[in-house]
Protein backbone atom coordinates (compact mmCIF):
# COMPACT_ATOMS: atom_id res chain seq x y z
CA UNK A 1 127.20 166.93 148.82
CA UNK A 2 128.79 165.17 145.87
CA UNK A 3 126.63 162.58 144.15
CA UNK A 4 127.94 159.47 142.43
CA UNK A 5 127.07 158.90 138.78
CA UNK A 6 124.51 156.29 139.85
CA UNK A 7 122.92 158.69 142.35
CA UNK A 8 122.76 161.48 139.74
CA UNK A 9 121.14 159.05 137.32
CA UNK A 10 118.58 157.99 139.92
CA UNK A 11 117.86 161.63 140.71
CA UNK A 12 117.37 162.38 136.98
CA UNK A 13 114.97 159.42 136.68
CA UNK A 14 113.01 160.71 139.70
CA UNK A 15 112.74 164.17 138.13
CA UNK A 16 111.74 162.70 134.73
CA UNK A 17 109.16 160.40 136.30
CA UNK A 18 107.58 163.26 138.28
CA UNK A 19 107.61 165.47 135.17
CA UNK A 20 105.88 162.83 133.02
CA UNK A 21 103.34 162.03 135.73
CA UNK A 22 102.52 165.75 135.95
CA UNK A 23 101.91 165.58 132.17
CA UNK A 24 99.38 162.78 132.72
CA UNK A 25 101.45 159.61 132.16
CA UNK A 26 101.04 156.67 134.52
CA UNK A 27 104.09 154.84 135.87
CA UNK A 28 104.11 151.04 135.45
CA UNK A 29 107.73 149.98 135.96
CA UNK A 30 111.03 151.64 136.88
CA UNK A 31 114.41 150.26 135.85
CA UNK A 32 113.22 147.20 133.95
CA UNK A 33 116.19 144.89 133.38
CA UNK A 34 116.69 141.89 131.20
CA UNK A 35 119.85 140.15 130.02
CA UNK A 36 120.23 142.33 126.93
CA UNK A 37 119.14 145.75 128.14
CA UNK A 38 117.37 148.09 130.48
CA UNK A 39 114.49 150.53 130.29
CA UNK A 40 114.48 153.44 132.72
CA UNK A 41 110.71 153.98 132.85
CA UNK A 42 107.74 152.13 131.42
CA UNK A 43 104.64 154.28 131.47
CA UNK A 44 101.18 154.60 130.03
CA UNK A 45 100.04 157.61 128.01
CA UNK A 46 96.35 156.97 127.52
CA UNK A 47 96.14 153.76 125.50
CA UNK A 48 99.84 153.92 124.48
CA UNK A 49 102.62 152.06 126.26
CA UNK A 50 105.69 154.30 126.54
CA UNK A 51 109.28 153.11 127.01
CA UNK A 52 111.31 156.05 128.34
CA UNK A 53 115.08 156.52 128.24
CA UNK A 54 116.32 159.19 130.67
CA UNK A 55 119.62 160.95 130.00
CA UNK A 56 121.36 163.52 132.17
CA UNK A 57 124.43 165.50 131.22
CA UNK A 58 126.12 168.00 133.50
CA UNK A 59 127.64 169.62 130.42
CA UNK A 60 126.92 169.66 126.70
CA UNK A 61 130.65 169.64 125.95
CA UNK A 62 130.42 166.08 124.59
CA UNK A 63 126.92 166.43 123.14
CA UNK A 64 123.42 166.54 124.52
CA UNK A 65 121.78 163.66 126.33
CA UNK A 66 119.63 163.00 123.26
CA UNK A 67 122.71 162.57 121.09
CA UNK A 68 123.91 159.73 123.31
CA UNK A 69 120.90 157.58 122.39
CA UNK A 70 122.62 156.24 119.29
CA UNK A 71 121.56 153.29 117.16
CA UNK A 72 123.37 150.81 119.42
CA UNK A 73 121.55 152.14 122.52
CA UNK A 74 118.26 152.15 120.61
CA UNK A 75 118.71 148.47 119.72
CA UNK A 76 119.31 147.61 123.38
CA UNK A 77 116.18 149.50 124.45
CA UNK A 78 114.10 147.87 121.70
CA UNK A 79 115.39 144.43 122.73
CA UNK A 80 114.50 145.09 126.38
CA UNK A 81 111.06 146.39 125.33
CA UNK A 82 110.48 143.26 123.26
CA UNK A 83 111.39 141.12 126.28
CA UNK A 84 109.02 143.13 128.47
CA UNK A 85 106.18 142.68 125.99
CA UNK A 86 106.82 138.94 125.71
CA UNK A 87 106.76 138.50 129.49
CA UNK A 88 103.86 140.91 130.14
CA UNK A 89 101.09 139.67 127.86
CA UNK A 90 98.57 142.15 129.30
CA UNK A 91 100.54 145.01 127.72
CA UNK A 92 101.01 143.47 124.26
CA UNK A 93 97.71 144.60 122.80
CA UNK A 94 98.60 148.29 123.06
CA UNK A 95 100.44 150.57 120.67
CA UNK A 96 103.89 151.48 121.97
CA UNK A 97 106.43 154.24 121.47
CA UNK A 98 109.93 155.14 122.61
CA UNK A 99 110.48 158.52 124.27
CA UNK A 100 113.67 160.21 125.45
CA UNK A 101 113.89 162.66 128.34
CA UNK A 102 117.16 164.55 128.57
CA UNK A 103 118.28 167.26 130.91
CA UNK A 104 121.23 169.24 132.15
CA UNK A 105 119.42 170.32 135.31
CA UNK A 106 116.03 169.88 136.96
CA UNK A 107 115.05 173.20 135.36
CA UNK A 108 115.87 172.16 131.80
CA UNK A 109 113.88 169.10 130.78
CA UNK A 110 113.49 168.10 127.14
CA UNK A 111 110.93 165.44 126.19
CA UNK A 112 111.17 163.85 122.76
CA UNK A 113 108.05 161.82 122.08
CA UNK A 114 108.39 158.92 119.65
CA UNK A 115 112.14 159.51 119.52
CA UNK A 116 112.87 156.43 117.43
CA UNK A 117 111.07 153.59 115.70
CA UNK A 118 111.37 149.88 116.46
């Protein structure tokens, strides 16, 4: 069965979410959208609010998934996170961080905690 890019992305998010939950994180929101950006997963890690970007690459020929989270993508994620915090006042009193999960298969998952600063 051939998956579309969207389906592969959804599958990667499912794998990442399950992986992070197995590591003790709690899922709050999936695929948070606002006008200026999107966040794949919003989770809790103890008292810390975690905004997670999930990247999947079938090949490293054009770079790893982590390398695709450039400064432009980071700005979009930070903008979406700011919007989330402004519209979810319950969450605003918590420290937050930005993590990246990247993978080439379900067997090869890389988790970068605190991948970039806001």
